[in-house]
Amino acid sequence: MAKVAKGEPVDPASYYFRTAVSFETASDKYAWLNGIIAIGTGSRPPEGPVYEIFEVL
């Protein structure tokens, strides 16, 4: 994590980055997001965090 904090590249396989995602929107266009359950993985390149989010069926 020290390398991540310094902004140095770190192989994503060397750490565990998972998240449970929930959405809340008042937009009619995106209202479907309010009813899904999602999980995600992530990595922390020097440019900032990158997430891949997946809907759980």
PDB file of N, CA and C in Angstrom:
ATOM      1  N   MET A   1       0.822  -1.191   0.000  1.00  0.00           N
ATOM      2  CA  MET A   1       0.000   0.000   0.000  1.00  0.00           C
ATOM      3  C   MET A   1       0.866   1.255   0.000  1.00  0.00           C
ATOM      4  N   ALA A   2       2.094   1.152   0.484  1.00  0.00           N
ATOM      5  CA  ALA A   2       2.980   2.320   0.476  1.00  0.00           C
ATOM      6  C   ALA A   2       3.243   2.773  -0.957  1.00  0.00           C
ATOM      7  N   LYS A   3       3.437   1.815  -1.873  1.00  0.00           N
ATOM      8  CA  LYS A   3       3.642   2.172  -3.279  1.00  0.00           C
ATOM      9  C   LYS A   3       2.400   2.844  -3.855  1.00  0.00           C
ATOM     10  N   VAL A   4       1.223   2.314  -3.539  1.00  0.00           N
ATOM     11  CA  VAL A   4      -0.030   2.911  -4.008  1.00  0.00           C
ATOM     12  C   VAL A   4      -0.130   4.344  -3.497  1.00  0.00           C
ATOM     13  N   ALA A   5       0.158   4.555  -2.221  1.00  0.00           N
ATOM     14  CA  ALA A   5       0.081   5.887  -1.623  1.00  0.00           C
ATOM     15  C   ALA A   5       1.057   6.864  -2.277  1.00  0.00           C
ATOM     16  N   LYS A   6       2.195   6.361  -2.754  1.00  0.00           N
ATOM     17  CA  LYS A   6       3.188   7.209  -3.419  1.00  0.00           C
ATOM     18  C   LYS A   6       2.868   7.437  -4.896  1.00  0.00           C
ATOM     19  N   GLY A   7       1.815   6.764  -5.398  1.00  0.00           N
ATOM     20  CA  GLY A   7       1.466   6.897  -6.801  1.00  0.00           C
ATOM     21  C   GLY A   7       2.289   6.038  -7.725  1.00  0.00           C
ATOM     22  N   GLU A   8       2.965   5.044  -7.172  1.00  0.00           N
ATOM     23  CA  GLU A   8       3.781   4.138  -7.983  1.00  0.00           C
ATOM     24  C   GLU A   8       2.918   3.005  -8.541  1.00  0.00           C
ATOM     25  N   PRO A   9       3.256   2.493  -9.717  1.00  0.00           N
ATOM     26  CA  PRO A   9       2.503   1.353 -10.261  1.00  0.00           C
ATOM     27  C   PRO A   9       2.647   0.121  -9.362  1.00  0.00           C
ATOM     28  N   VAL A  10       1.530  -0.574  -9.165  1.00  0.00           N
ATOM     29  CA  VAL A  10       1.514  -1.788  -8.354  1.00  0.00           C
ATOM     30  C   VAL A  10       0.689  -2.837  -9.106  1.00  0.00           C
ATOM     31  N   ASP A  11       1.198  -4.039  -9.203  1.00  0.00           N
ATOM     32  CA  ASP A  11       0.488  -5.128  -9.867  1.00  0.00           C
ATOM     33  C   ASP A  11      -0.808  -5.417  -9.113  1.00  0.00           C
ATOM     34  N   PRO A  12      -1.982  -5.316  -9.785  1.00  0.00           N
ATOM     35  CA  PRO A  12      -3.258  -5.577  -9.107  1.00  0.00           C
ATOM     36  C   PRO A  12      -3.360  -6.970  -8.498  1.00  0.00           C
ATOM     37  N   ALA A  13      -2.583  -7.930  -8.992  1.00  0.00           N
ATOM     38  CA  ALA A  13      -2.612  -9.278  -8.439  1.00  0.00           C
ATOM     39  C   ALA A  13      -1.965  -9.333  -7.052  1.00  0.00           C
ATOM     40  N   SER A  14      -1.289  -8.268  -6.652  1.00  0.00           N
ATOM     41  CA  SER A  14      -0.594  -8.286  -5.366  1.00  0.00           C
ATOM     42  C   SER A  14      -1.448  -7.749  -4.212  1.00  0.00           C
ATOM     43  N   TYR A  15      -2.690  -7.335  -4.508  1.00  0.00           N
ATOM     44  CA  TYR A  15      -3.589  -6.881  -3.438  1.00  0.00           C
ATOM     45  C   TYR A  15      -5.030  -7.225  -3.797  1.00  0.00           C
ATOM     46  N   TYR A  16      -5.914  -7.129  -2.817  1.00  0.00           N
ATOM     47  CA  TYR A  16      -7.316  -7.512  -2.962  1.00  0.00           C
ATOM     48  C   TYR A  16      -8.159  -6.242  -2.947  1.00  0.00           C
ATOM     49  N   PHE A  17      -8.872  -5.965  -4.028  1.00  0.00           N
ATOM     50  CA  PHE A  17      -9.669  -4.740  -4.144  1.00  0.00           C
ATOM     51  C   PHE A  17     -11.051  -5.134  -4.640  1.00  0.00           C
ATOM     52  N   ARG A  18     -12.015  -5.240  -3.741  1.00  0.00           N
ATOM     53  CA  ARG A  18     -13.388  -5.621  -4.075  1.00  0.00           C
ATOM     54  C   ARG A  18     -14.342  -4.627  -3.427  1.00  0.00           C
ATOM     55  N   THR A  19     -15.529  -4.496  -4.008  1.00  0.00           N
ATOM     56  CA  THR A  19     -16.514  -3.576  -3.457  1.00  0.00           C
ATOM     57  C   THR A  19     -17.928  -4.072  -3.735  1.00  0.00           C
ATOM     58  N   ALA A  20     -18.844  -3.726  -2.851  1.00  0.00           N
ATOM     59  CA  ALA A  20     -20.271  -3.940  -3.072  1.00  0.00           C
ATOM     60  C   ALA A  20     -20.848  -2.567  -3.413  1.00  0.00           C
ATOM     61  N   VAL A  21     -21.627  -2.502  -4.480  1.00  0.00           N
ATOM     62  CA  VAL A  21     -22.076  -1.222  -5.016  1.00  0.00           C
ATOM     63  C   VAL A  21     -23.587  -1.112  -4.926  1.00  0.00           C
ATOM     64  N   SER A  22     -24.065   0.054  -4.524  1.00  0.00           N
ATOM     65  CA  SER A  22     -25.493   0.352  -4.602  1.00  0.00           C
ATOM     66  C   SER A  22     -25.644   1.709  -5.273  1.00  0.00           C
ATOM     67  N   PHE A  23     -26.764   1.888  -5.946  1.00  0.00           N
ATOM     68  CA  PHE A  23     -27.019   3.124  -6.670  1.00  0.00           C
ATOM     69  C   PHE A  23     -28.276   3.781  -6.123  1.00  0.00           C
ATOM     70  N   GLU A  24     -28.329   5.106  -6.210  1.00  0.00           N
ATOM     71  CA  GLU A  24     -29.521   5.854  -5.823  1.00  0.00           C
ATOM     72  C   GLU A  24     -29.629   7.033  -6.781  1.00  0.00           C
ATOM     73  N   THR A  25     -30.688   7.030  -7.595  1.00  0.00           N
ATOM     74  CA  THR A  25     -30.883   8.113  -8.548  1.00  0.00           C
ATOM     75  C   THR A  25     -32.357   8.479  -8.637  1.00  0.00           C
ATOM     76  N   ALA A  26     -32.623   9.739  -8.898  1.00  0.00           N
ATOM     77  CA  ALA A  26     -33.990  10.211  -9.116  1.00  0.00           C
ATOM     78  C   ALA A  26     -34.294  10.304 -10.611  1.00  0.00           C
ATOM     79  N   SER A  27     -33.300  10.057 -11.450  1.00  0.00           N
ATOM     80  CA  SER A  27     -33.468  10.137 -12.897  1.00  0.00           C
ATOM     81  C   SER A  27     -34.331   8.985 -13.404  1.00  0.00           C
ATOM     82  N   ASP A  28     -35.345   9.308 -14.200  1.00  0.00           N
ATOM     83  CA  ASP A  28     -36.167   8.254 -14.805  1.00  0.00           C
ATOM     84  C   ASP A  28     -35.335   7.389 -15.747  1.00  0.00           C
ATOM     85  N   LYS A  29     -34.397   8.003 -16.431  1.00  0.00           N
ATOM     86  CA  LYS A  29     -33.562   7.278 -17.388  1.00  0.00           C
ATOM     87  C   LYS A  29     -32.737   6.190 -16.708  1.00  0.00           C
ATOM     88  N   TYR A  30     -32.268   6.458 -15.489  1.00  0.00           N
ATOM     89  CA  TYR A  30     -31.397   5.512 -14.784  1.00  0.00           C
ATOM     90  C   TYR A  30     -32.069   4.867 -13.569  1.00  0.00           C
ATOM     91  N   ALA A  31     -33.378   4.949 -13.480  1.00  0.00           N
ATOM     92  CA  ALA A  31     -34.113   4.398 -12.334  1.00  0.00           C
ATOM     93  C   ALA A  31     -33.876   2.898 -12.173  1.00  0.00           C
ATOM     94  N   TRP A  32     -33.602   2.183 -13.253  1.00  0.00           N
ATOM     95  CA  TRP A  32     -33.352   0.736 -13.177  1.00  0.00           C
ATOM     96  C   TRP A  32     -32.166   0.424 -12.273  1.00  0.00           C
ATOM     97  N   LEU A  33     -31.225   1.371 -12.140  1.00  0.00           N
ATOM     98  CA  LEU A  33     -30.064   1.149 -11.273  1.00  0.00           C
ATOM     99  C   LEU A  33     -30.470   1.020  -9.802  1.00  0.00           C
ATOM    100  N   ASN A  34     -31.572   1.658  -9.414  1.00  0.00           N
ATOM    101  CA  ASN A  34     -32.009   1.620  -8.017  1.00  0.00           C
ATOM    102  C   ASN A  34     -32.357   0.218  -7.540  1.00  0.00           C
ATOM    103  N   GLY A  35     -32.673  -0.676  -8.467  1.00  0.00           N
ATOM    104  CA  GLY A  35     -33.126  -2.006  -8.082  1.00  0.00           C
ATOM    105  C   GLY A  35     -32.116  -3.123  -8.272  1.00  0.00           C
ATOM    106  N   ILE A  36     -30.874  -2.795  -8.593  1.00  0.00           N
ATOM    107  CA  ILE A  36     -29.908  -3.865  -8.821  1.00  0.00           C
ATOM    108  C   ILE A  36     -28.926  -4.003  -7.656  1.00  0.00           C
ATOM    109  N   ILE A  37     -28.322  -5.167  -7.591  1.00  0.00           N
ATOM    110  CA  ILE A  37     -27.214  -5.424  -6.673  1.00  0.00           C
ATOM    111  C   ILE A  37     -25.984  -5.587  -7.549  1.00  0.00           C
ATOM    112  N   ALA A  38     -24.898  -4.942  -7.164  1.00  0.00           N
ATOM    113  CA  ALA A  38     -23.693  -5.007  -7.991  1.00  0.00           C
ATOM    114  C   ALA A  38     -22.463  -5.231  -7.120  1.00  0.00           C
ATOM    115  N   ILE A  39     -21.470  -5.863  -7.713  1.00  0.00           N
ATOM    116  CA  ILE A  39     -20.171  -6.055  -7.065  1.00  0.00           C
ATOM    117  C   ILE A  39     -19.107  -5.528  -8.023  1.00  0.00           C
ATOM    118  N   GLY A  40     -17.933  -5.290  -7.499  1.00  0.00           N
ATOM    119  CA  GLY A  40     -16.897  -4.767  -8.363  1.00  0.00           C
ATOM    120  C   GLY A  40     -15.501  -5.138  -7.912  1.00  0.00           C
ATOM    121  N   THR A  41     -14.591  -5.009  -8.858  1.00  0.00           N
ATOM    122  CA  THR A  41     -13.169  -5.159  -8.591  1.00  0.00           C
ATOM    123  C   THR A  41     -12.509  -3.839  -8.954  1.00  0.00           C
ATOM    124  N   GLY A  42     -11.319  -3.652  -8.469  1.00  0.00           N
ATOM    125  CA  GLY A  42     -10.650  -2.405  -8.778  1.00  0.00           C
ATOM    126  C   GLY A  42      -9.147  -2.533  -8.794  1.00  0.00           C
ATOM    127  N   SER A  43      -8.531  -1.503  -9.298  1.00  0.00           N
ATOM    128  CA  SER A  43      -7.073  -1.388  -9.276  1.00  0.00           C
ATOM    129  C   SER A  43      -6.731   0.078  -9.063  1.00  0.00           C
ATOM    130  N   ARG A  44      -5.492   0.336  -8.661  1.00  0.00           N
ATOM    131  CA  ARG A  44      -5.071   1.700  -8.370  1.00  0.00           C
ATOM    132  C   ARG A  44      -3.824   2.077  -9.169  1.00  0.00           C
ATOM    133  N   PRO A  45      -3.975   2.345 -10.478  1.00  0.00           N
ATOM    134  CA  PRO A  45      -2.822   2.834 -11.223  1.00  0.00           C
ATOM    135  C   PRO A  45      -2.488   4.253 -10.758  1.00  0.00           C
ATOM    136  N   PRO A  46      -1.324   4.775 -11.121  1.00  0.00           N
ATOM    137  CA  PRO A  46      -0.940   6.123 -10.684  1.00  0.00           C
ATOM    138  C   PRO A  46      -1.943   7.218 -11.068  1.00  0.00           C
ATOM    139  N   GLU A  47      -2.695   7.015 -12.152  1.00  0.00           N
ATOM    140  CA  GLU A  47      -3.664   8.029 -12.595  1.00  0.00           C
ATOM    141  C   GLU A  47      -4.889   8.113 -11.700  1.00  0.00           C
ATOM    142  N   GLY A  48      -5.140   7.101 -10.890  1.00  0.00           N
ATOM    143  CA  GLY A  48      -6.310   7.076 -10.012  1.00  0.00           C
ATOM    144  C   GLY A  48      -7.000   5.733 -10.083  1.00  0.00           C
ATOM    145  N   PRO A  49      -7.993   5.513  -9.215  1.00  0.00           N
ATOM    146  CA  PRO A  49      -8.652   4.201  -9.154  1.00  0.00           C
ATOM    147  C   PRO A  49      -9.458   3.893 -10.417  1.00  0.00           C
ATOM    148  N   VAL A  50      -9.486   2.599 -10.747  1.00  0.00           N
ATOM    149  CA  VAL A  50     -10.263   2.096 -11.878  1.00  0.00           C
ATOM    150  C   VAL A  50     -11.135   0.972 -11.334  1.00  0.00           C
ATOM    151  N   TYR A  51     -12.442   1.040 -11.615  1.00  0.00           N
ATOM    152  CA  TYR A  51     -13.387   0.041 -11.121  1.00  0.00           C
ATOM    153  C   TYR A  51     -14.033  -0.692 -12.289  1.00  0.00           C
ATOM    154  N   GLU A  52     -14.279  -1.980 -12.117  1.00  0.00           N
ATOM    155  CA  GLU A  52     -15.106  -2.758 -13.016  1.00  0.00           C
ATOM    156  C   GLU A  52     -16.297  -3.228 -12.189  1.00  0.00           C
ATOM    157  N   ILE A  53     -17.494  -2.818 -12.578  1.00  0.00           N
ATOM    158  CA  ILE A  53     -18.705  -3.099 -11.815  1.00  0.00           C
ATOM    159  C   ILE A  53     -19.562  -4.088 -12.589  1.00  0.00           C
ATOM    160  N   PHE A  54     -20.112  -5.084 -11.871  1.00  0.00           N
ATOM    161  CA  PHE A  54     -20.902  -6.145 -12.472  1.00  0.00           C
ATOM    162  C   PHE A  54     -22.222  -6.291 -11.728  1.00  0.00           C
ATOM    163  N   GLU A  55     -23.320  -6.365 -12.483  1.00  0.00           N
ATOM    164  CA  GLU A  55     -24.637  -6.607 -11.893  1.00  0.00           C
ATOM    165  C   GLU A  55     -24.741  -8.067 -11.499  1.00  0.00           C
ATOM    166  N   VAL A  56     -25.251  -8.339 -10.296  1.00  0.00           N
ATOM    167  CA  VAL A  56     -25.474  -9.704  -9.829  1.00  0.00           C
ATOM    168  C   VAL A  56     -26.886 -10.092 -10.227  1.00  0.00           C
ATOM    169  N   LEU A  57     -27.018 -11.198 -10.928  1.00  0.00           N
ATOM    170  CA  LEU A  57     -28.343 -11.621 -11.393  1.00  0.00           C
ATOM    171  C   LEU A  57     -29.099 -12.369 -10.336  1.00  0.00           C
TER     172      LEU A  57
END
